[in-house]
Every structure is written in structure tokens, then in C-alpha cells.
Amino acid sequence: MTDLQAEQIVILRMQGKGYKSIASATGLSRDIVRNYCKTKGMEGYGEVAALNMQKRLTARVTLEKIPDT
């Protein structure tokens, strides 16, 4: 898998796409896409995974904005 394909997987998961449609778009097998998503914490149904990823990113950004005391 190339870096471009990995980036495409993340983008498509954020859009709520499933493993099968991501596999078709990237030219990878569904199993490779699924395994990559599992290792990166993007597993589950497409739309639910996208919502969970957005929540994690929002929480991370919020934590980064809190000043050290």
C-alpha cells in the first residue's frame, strides 16, 4: 500500500464510506482496507466510524487548545 492509498482510505472513511467502496476506489482488496482501518482505529460501519473519528479529532483539538498551567 502506498502513502497515497493510505491517505485516500482515511479521507473516504471520514466521508462514511465502507470497506468495499474504499477498496474499489483505491485498487486494494477489501481485506487490506479492513485490516488497515482496524490498526488505525477506524473499524466499524462506515458512517459510525466517521462519526467516531470526528469526535476523536474534536477532542484532540480541544485538548491541544488548553494552555498548560
PDB file of N, CA and C in Angstrom:
ATOM      1  N   MET A   1       0.839  -1.168   0.000  1.00  0.00           N
ATOM      2  CA  MET A   1       0.000   0.000   0.000  1.00  0.00           C
ATOM      3  C   MET A   1       0.895   1.245   0.000  1.00  0.00           C
ATOM      4  N   THR A   2       0.527   2.187  -0.840  1.00  0.00           N
ATOM      5  CA  THR A   2       1.293   3.428  -0.923  1.00  0.00           C
ATOM      6  C   THR A   2       0.772   4.438   0.103  1.00  0.00           C
ATOM      7  N   ASP A   3       1.549   5.493   0.312  1.00  0.00           N
ATOM      8  CA  ASP A   3       1.108   6.558   1.213  1.00  0.00           C
ATOM      9  C   ASP A   3      -0.158   7.224   0.685  1.00  0.00           C
ATOM     10  N   LEU A   4      -0.257   7.364  -0.626  1.00  0.00           N
ATOM     11  CA  LEU A   4      -1.432   7.967  -1.244  1.00  0.00           C
ATOM     12  C   LEU A   4      -2.681   7.116  -0.968  1.00  0.00           C
ATOM     13  N   GLN A   5      -2.557   5.808  -1.109  1.00  0.00           N
ATOM     14  CA  GLN A   5      -3.680   4.920  -0.848  1.00  0.00           C
ATOM     15  C   GLN A   5      -4.097   4.993   0.624  1.00  0.00           C
ATOM     16  N   ALA A   6      -3.119   5.055   1.524  1.00  0.00           N
ATOM     17  CA  ALA A   6      -3.427   5.162   2.949  1.00  0.00           C
ATOM     18  C   ALA A   6      -4.177   6.466   3.228  1.00  0.00           C
ATOM     19  N   GLU A   7      -3.750   7.552   2.609  1.00  0.00           N
ATOM     20  CA  GLU A   7      -4.420   8.841   2.782  1.00  0.00           C
ATOM     21  C   GLU A   7      -5.840   8.795   2.225  1.00  0.00           C
ATOM     22  N   GLN A   8      -5.999   8.131   1.082  1.00  0.00           N
ATOM     23  CA  GLN A   8      -7.325   8.001   0.486  1.00  0.00           C
ATOM     24  C   GLN A   8      -8.262   7.213   1.403  1.00  0.00           C
ATOM     25  N   ILE A   9      -7.748   6.173   2.044  1.00  0.00           N
ATOM     26  CA  ILE A   9      -8.555   5.371   2.955  1.00  0.00           C
ATOM     27  C   ILE A   9      -9.077   6.249   4.087  1.00  0.00           C
ATOM     28  N   VAL A  10      -8.206   7.041   4.679  1.00  0.00           N
ATOM     29  CA  VAL A  10      -8.611   7.908   5.789  1.00  0.00           C
ATOM     30  C   VAL A  10      -9.678   8.901   5.333  1.00  0.00           C
ATOM     31  N   ILE A  11      -9.466   9.520   4.192  1.00  0.00           N
ATOM     32  CA  ILE A  11     -10.416  10.504   3.672  1.00  0.00           C
ATOM     33  C   ILE A  11     -11.771   9.860   3.406  1.00  0.00           C
ATOM     34  N   LEU A  12     -11.766   8.708   2.762  1.00  0.00           N
ATOM     35  CA  LEU A  12     -13.014   8.036   2.430  1.00  0.00           C
ATOM     36  C   LEU A  12     -13.745   7.537   3.676  1.00  0.00           C
ATOM     37  N   ARG A  13     -12.999   7.083   4.696  1.00  0.00           N
ATOM     38  CA  ARG A  13     -13.634   6.665   5.949  1.00  0.00           C
ATOM     39  C   ARG A  13     -14.275   7.855   6.641  1.00  0.00           C
ATOM     40  N   MET A  14     -13.608   9.005   6.585  1.00  0.00           N
ATOM     41  CA  MET A  14     -14.171  10.220   7.185  1.00  0.00           C
ATOM     42  C   MET A  14     -15.466  10.628   6.481  1.00  0.00           C
ATOM     43  N   GLN A  15     -15.598  10.234   5.227  1.00  0.00           N
ATOM     44  CA  GLN A  15     -16.820  10.517   4.469  1.00  0.00           C
ATOM     45  C   GLN A  15     -17.896   9.464   4.716  1.00  0.00           C
ATOM     46  N   GLY A  16     -17.576   8.443   5.510  1.00  0.00           N
ATOM     47  CA  GLY A  16     -18.553   7.414   5.847  1.00  0.00           C
ATOM     48  C   GLY A  16     -18.611   6.260   4.864  1.00  0.00           C
ATOM     49  N   LYS A  17     -17.595   6.116   4.029  1.00  0.00           N
ATOM     50  CA  LYS A  17     -17.577   5.026   3.048  1.00  0.00           C
ATOM     51  C   LYS A  17     -17.234   3.701   3.717  1.00  0.00           C
ATOM     52  N   GLY A  18     -17.720   2.624   3.152  1.00  0.00           N
ATOM     53  CA  GLY A  18     -17.456   1.283   3.656  1.00  0.00           C
ATOM     54  C   GLY A  18     -16.199   0.686   3.040  1.00  0.00           C
ATOM     55  N   TYR A  19     -15.792  -0.460   3.576  1.00  0.00           N
ATOM     56  CA  TYR A  19     -14.572  -1.117   3.123  1.00  0.00           C
ATOM     57  C   TYR A  19     -14.614  -1.448   1.630  1.00  0.00           C
ATOM     58  N   LYS A  20     -15.749  -1.935   1.179  1.00  0.00           N
ATOM     59  CA  LYS A  20     -15.878  -2.373  -0.221  1.00  0.00           C
ATOM     60  C   LYS A  20     -15.722  -1.200  -1.189  1.00  0.00           C
ATOM     61  N   SER A  21     -16.368  -0.089  -0.896  1.00  0.00           N
ATOM     62  CA  SER A  21     -16.273   1.060  -1.799  1.00  0.00           C
ATOM     63  C   SER A  21     -14.878   1.684  -1.747  1.00  0.00           C
ATOM     64  N   ILE A  22     -14.248   1.666  -0.576  1.00  0.00           N
ATOM     65  CA  ILE A  22     -12.877   2.172  -0.470  1.00  0.00           C
ATOM     66  C   ILE A  22     -11.933   1.285  -1.254  1.00  0.00           C
ATOM     67  N   ALA A  23     -12.139  -0.021  -1.152  1.00  0.00           N
ATOM     68  CA  ALA A  23     -11.298  -0.960  -1.897  1.00  0.00           C
ATOM     69  C   ALA A  23     -11.402  -0.713  -3.399  1.00  0.00           C
ATOM     70  N   SER A  24     -12.607  -0.487  -3.893  1.00  0.00           N
ATOM     71  CA  SER A  24     -12.791  -0.212  -5.322  1.00  0.00           C
ATOM     72  C   SER A  24     -12.114   1.090  -5.731  1.00  0.00           C
ATOM     73  N   ALA A  25     -12.210   2.113  -4.884  1.00  0.00           N
ATOM     74  CA  ALA A  25     -11.640   3.423  -5.200  1.00  0.00           C
ATOM     75  C   ALA A  25     -10.116   3.423  -5.166  1.00  0.00           C
ATOM     76  N   THR A  26      -9.531   2.603  -4.297  1.00  0.00           N
ATOM     77  CA  THR A  26      -8.074   2.611  -4.133  1.00  0.00           C
ATOM     78  C   THR A  26      -7.357   1.508  -4.911  1.00  0.00           C
ATOM     79  N   GLY A  27      -8.108   0.521  -5.368  1.00  0.00           N
ATOM     80  CA  GLY A  27      -7.482  -0.588  -6.082  1.00  0.00           C
ATOM     81  C   GLY A  27      -6.891  -1.631  -5.146  1.00  0.00           C
ATOM     82  N   LEU A  28      -7.278  -1.595  -3.884  1.00  0.00           N
ATOM     83  CA  LEU A  28      -6.812  -2.570  -2.904  1.00  0.00           C
ATOM     84  C   LEU A  28      -7.922  -3.572  -2.623  1.00  0.00           C
ATOM     85  N   SER A  29      -7.572  -4.669  -1.974  1.00  0.00           N
ATOM     86  CA  SER A  29      -8.605  -5.637  -1.607  1.00  0.00           C
ATOM     87  C   SER A  29      -9.364  -5.130  -0.380  1.00  0.00           C
ATOM     88  N   ARG A  30     -10.579  -5.634  -0.212  1.00  0.00           N
ATOM     89  CA  ARG A  30     -11.394  -5.254   0.928  1.00  0.00           C
ATOM     90  C   ARG A  30     -10.711  -5.640   2.236  1.00  0.00           C
ATOM     91  N   ASP A  31     -10.056  -6.789   2.243  1.00  0.00           N
ATOM     92  CA  ASP A  31      -9.377  -7.243   3.454  1.00  0.00           C
ATOM     93  C   ASP A  31      -8.217  -6.333   3.839  1.00  0.00           C
ATOM     94  N   ILE A  32      -7.470  -5.855   2.862  1.00  0.00           N
ATOM     95  CA  ILE A  32      -6.369  -4.931   3.156  1.00  0.00           C
ATOM     96  C   ILE A  32      -6.917  -3.637   3.739  1.00  0.00           C
ATOM     97  N   VAL A  33      -7.981  -3.128   3.147  1.00  0.00           N
ATOM     98  CA  VAL A  33      -8.603  -1.898   3.647  1.00  0.00           C
ATOM     99  C   VAL A  33      -9.122  -2.114   5.062  1.00  0.00           C
ATOM    100  N   ARG A  34      -9.822  -3.220   5.289  1.00  0.00           N
ATOM    101  CA  ARG A  34     -10.372  -3.507   6.613  1.00  0.00           C
ATOM    102  C   ARG A  34      -9.263  -3.632   7.656  1.00  0.00           C
ATOM    103  N   ASN A  35      -8.203  -4.353   7.337  1.00  0.00           N
ATOM    104  CA  ASN A  35      -7.102  -4.526   8.283  1.00  0.00           C
ATOM    105  C   ASN A  35      -6.413  -3.197   8.583  1.00  0.00           C
ATOM    106  N   TYR A  36      -6.225  -2.360   7.567  1.00  0.00           N
ATOM    107  CA  TYR A  36      -5.619  -1.047   7.782  1.00  0.00           C
ATOM    108  C   TYR A  36      -6.508  -0.222   8.706  1.00  0.00           C
ATOM    109  N   CYS A  37      -7.803  -0.224   8.448  1.00  0.00           N
ATOM    110  CA  CYS A  37      -8.731   0.547   9.272  1.00  0.00           C
ATOM    111  C   CYS A  37      -8.722   0.063  10.716  1.00  0.00           C
ATOM    112  N   LYS A  38      -8.658  -1.229  10.922  1.00  0.00           N
ATOM    113  CA  LYS A  38      -8.635  -1.773  12.277  1.00  0.00           C
ATOM    114  C   LYS A  38      -7.376  -1.332  13.016  1.00  0.00           C
ATOM    115  N   THR A  39      -6.236  -1.351  12.345  1.00  0.00           N
ATOM    116  CA  THR A  39      -4.996  -0.968  13.011  1.00  0.00           C
ATOM    117  C   THR A  39      -4.949   0.523  13.326  1.00  0.00           C
ATOM    118  N   LYS A  40      -5.710   1.320  12.592  1.00  0.00           N
ATOM    119  CA  LYS A  40      -5.722   2.771  12.794  1.00  0.00           C
ATOM    120  C   LYS A  40      -6.939   3.243  13.586  1.00  0.00           C
ATOM    121  N   GLY A  41      -7.737   2.308  14.128  1.00  0.00           N
ATOM    122  CA  GLY A  41      -8.891   2.673  14.943  1.00  0.00           C
ATOM    123  C   GLY A  41     -10.067   3.201  14.139  1.00  0.00           C
ATOM    124  N   MET A  42     -10.198   2.767  12.889  1.00  0.00           N
ATOM    125  CA  MET A  42     -11.288   3.238  12.029  1.00  0.00           C
ATOM    126  C   MET A  42     -12.245   2.107  11.668  1.00  0.00           C
ATOM    127  N   GLU A  43     -12.332   1.083  12.526  1.00  0.00           N
ATOM    128  CA  GLU A  43     -13.169  -0.058  12.212  1.00  0.00           C
ATOM    129  C   GLU A  43     -14.630   0.250  12.476  1.00  0.00           C
ATOM    130  N   GLY A  44     -15.491  -0.613  11.990  1.00  0.00           N
ATOM    131  CA  GLY A  44     -16.926  -0.472  12.200  1.00  0.00           C
ATOM    132  C   GLY A  44     -17.643  -0.054  10.933  1.00  0.00           C
ATOM    133  N   TYR A  45     -18.947   0.181  11.077  1.00  0.00           N
ATOM    134  CA  TYR A  45     -19.748   0.615   9.938  1.00  0.00           C
ATOM    135  C   TYR A  45     -19.273   1.991   9.492  1.00  0.00           C
ATOM    136  N   GLY A  46     -19.322   2.239   8.191  1.00  0.00           N
ATOM    137  CA  GLY A  46     -18.776   3.451   7.599  1.00  0.00           C
ATOM    138  C   GLY A  46     -19.189   4.741   8.276  1.00  0.00           C
ATOM    139  N   GLU A  47     -20.486   4.979   8.400  1.00  0.00           N
ATOM    140  CA  GLU A  47     -20.962   6.243   8.962  1.00  0.00           C
ATOM    141  C   GLU A  47     -20.631   6.360  10.446  1.00  0.00           C
ATOM    142  N   VAL A  48     -20.729   5.263  11.174  1.00  0.00           N
ATOM    143  CA  VAL A  48     -20.421   5.274  12.602  1.00  0.00           C
ATOM    144  C   VAL A  48     -18.925   5.509  12.807  1.00  0.00           C
ATOM    145  N   ALA A  49     -18.109   4.866  11.992  1.00  0.00           N
ATOM    146  CA  ALA A  49     -16.662   5.062  12.086  1.00  0.00           C
ATOM    147  C   ALA A  49     -16.307   6.517  11.812  1.00  0.00           C
ATOM    148  N   ALA A  50     -16.952   7.129  10.830  1.00  0.00           N
ATOM    149  CA  ALA A  50     -16.690   8.537  10.504  1.00  0.00           C
ATOM    150  C   ALA A  50     -17.052   9.435  11.684  1.00  0.00           C
ATOM    151  N   LEU A  51     -18.191   9.185  12.321  1.00  0.00           N
ATOM    152  CA  LEU A  51     -18.590   9.991  13.479  1.00  0.00           C
ATOM    153  C   LEU A  51     -17.618   9.824  14.637  1.00  0.00           C
ATOM    154  N   ASN A  52     -17.184   8.592  14.890  1.00  0.00           N
ATOM    155  CA  ASN A  52     -16.232   8.348  15.966  1.00  0.00           C
ATOM    156  C   ASN A  52     -14.902   9.042  15.696  1.00  0.00           C
ATOM    157  N   MET A  53     -14.443   9.012  14.448  1.00  0.00           N
ATOM    158  CA  MET A  53     -13.191   9.671  14.095  1.00  0.00           C
ATOM    159  C   MET A  53     -13.316  11.178  14.272  1.00  0.00           C
ATOM    160  N   GLN A  54     -14.439  11.738  13.875  1.00  0.00           N
ATOM    161  CA  GLN A  54     -14.645  13.179  14.030  1.00  0.00           C
ATOM    162  C   GLN A  54     -14.665  13.570  15.504  1.00  0.00           C
ATOM    163  N   LYS A  55     -15.285  12.757  16.346  1.00  0.00           N
ATOM    164  CA  LYS A  55     -15.314  13.036  17.784  1.00  0.00           C
ATOM    165  C   LYS A  55     -13.910  13.002  18.369  1.00  0.00           C
ATOM    166  N   ARG A  56     -13.106  12.002  17.959  1.00  0.00           N
ATOM    167  CA  ARG A  56     -11.733  11.910  18.461  1.00  0.00           C
ATOM    168  C   ARG A  56     -10.899  13.108  18.029  1.00  0.00           C
ATOM    169  N   LEU A  57     -11.064  13.532  16.776  1.00  0.00           N
ATOM    170  CA  LEU A  57     -10.315  14.693  16.289  1.00  0.00           C
ATOM    171  C   LEU A  57     -10.737  15.958  17.025  1.00  0.00           C
ATOM    172  N   THR A  58     -12.014  16.105  17.275  1.00  0.00           N
ATOM    173  CA  THR A  58     -12.506  17.271  18.005  1.00  0.00           C
ATOM    174  C   THR A  58     -11.953  17.278  19.421  1.00  0.00           C
ATOM    175  N   ALA A  59     -11.948  16.134  20.076  1.00  0.00           N
ATOM    176  CA  ALA A  59     -11.420  16.036  21.434  1.00  0.00           C
ATOM    177  C   ALA A  59      -9.931  16.360  21.458  1.00  0.00           C
ATOM    178  N   ARG A  60      -9.200  15.891  20.460  1.00  0.00           N
ATOM    179  CA  ARG A  60      -7.758  16.142  20.382  1.00  0.00           C
ATOM    180  C   ARG A  60      -7.488  17.631  20.192  1.00  0.00           C
ATOM    181  N   VAL A  61      -8.247  18.274  19.317  1.00  0.00           N
ATOM    182  CA  VAL A  61      -8.070  19.701  19.075  1.00  0.00           C
ATOM    183  C   VAL A  61      -8.404  20.490  20.332  1.00  0.00           C
ATOM    184  N   THR A  62      -9.453  20.098  21.038  1.00  0.00           N
ATOM    185  CA  THR A  62      -9.848  20.768  22.273  1.00  0.00           C
ATOM    186  C   THR A  62      -8.743  20.655  23.316  1.00  0.00           C
ATOM    187  N   LEU A  63      -8.154  19.474  23.451  1.00  0.00           N
ATOM    188  CA  LEU A  63      -7.077  19.270  24.420  1.00  0.00           C
ATOM    189  C   LEU A  63      -5.844  20.090  24.056  1.00  0.00           C
ATOM    190  N   GLU A  64      -5.570  20.225  22.764  1.00  0.00           N
ATOM    191  CA  GLU A  64      -4.404  20.992  22.331  1.00  0.00           C
ATOM    192  C   GLU A  64      -4.567  22.482  22.614  1.00  0.00           C
ATOM    193  N   LYS A  65      -5.812  22.962  22.695  1.00  0.00           N
ATOM    194  CA  LYS A  65      -6.066  24.377  22.928  1.00  0.00           C
ATOM    195  C   LYS A  65      -5.984  24.748  24.400  1.00  0.00           C
ATOM    196  N   ILE A  66      -6.051  23.762  25.304  1.00  0.00           N
ATOM    197  CA  ILE A  66      -5.997  24.040  26.729  1.00  0.00           C
ATOM    198  C   ILE A  66      -4.557  24.412  27.099  1.00  0.00           C
ATOM    199  N   PRO A  67      -4.356  25.620  27.651  1.00  0.00           N
ATOM    200  CA  PRO A  67      -2.993  26.045  27.998  1.00  0.00           C
ATOM    201  C   PRO A  67      -2.465  25.296  29.215  1.00  0.00           C
ATOM    202  N   ASP A  68      -1.162  25.098  29.238  1.00  0.00           N
ATOM    203  CA  ASP A  68      -0.514  24.467  30.401  1.00  0.00           C
ATOM    204  C   ASP A  68      -0.499  25.454  31.559  1.00  0.00           C
ATOM    205  N   THR A  69      -0.664  24.924  32.768  1.00  0.00           N
ATOM    206  CA  THR A  69      -0.647  25.821  33.933  1.00  0.00           C
ATOM    207  C   THR A  69       0.516  25.527  34.814  1.00  0.00           C
TER     208      THR A  69
END
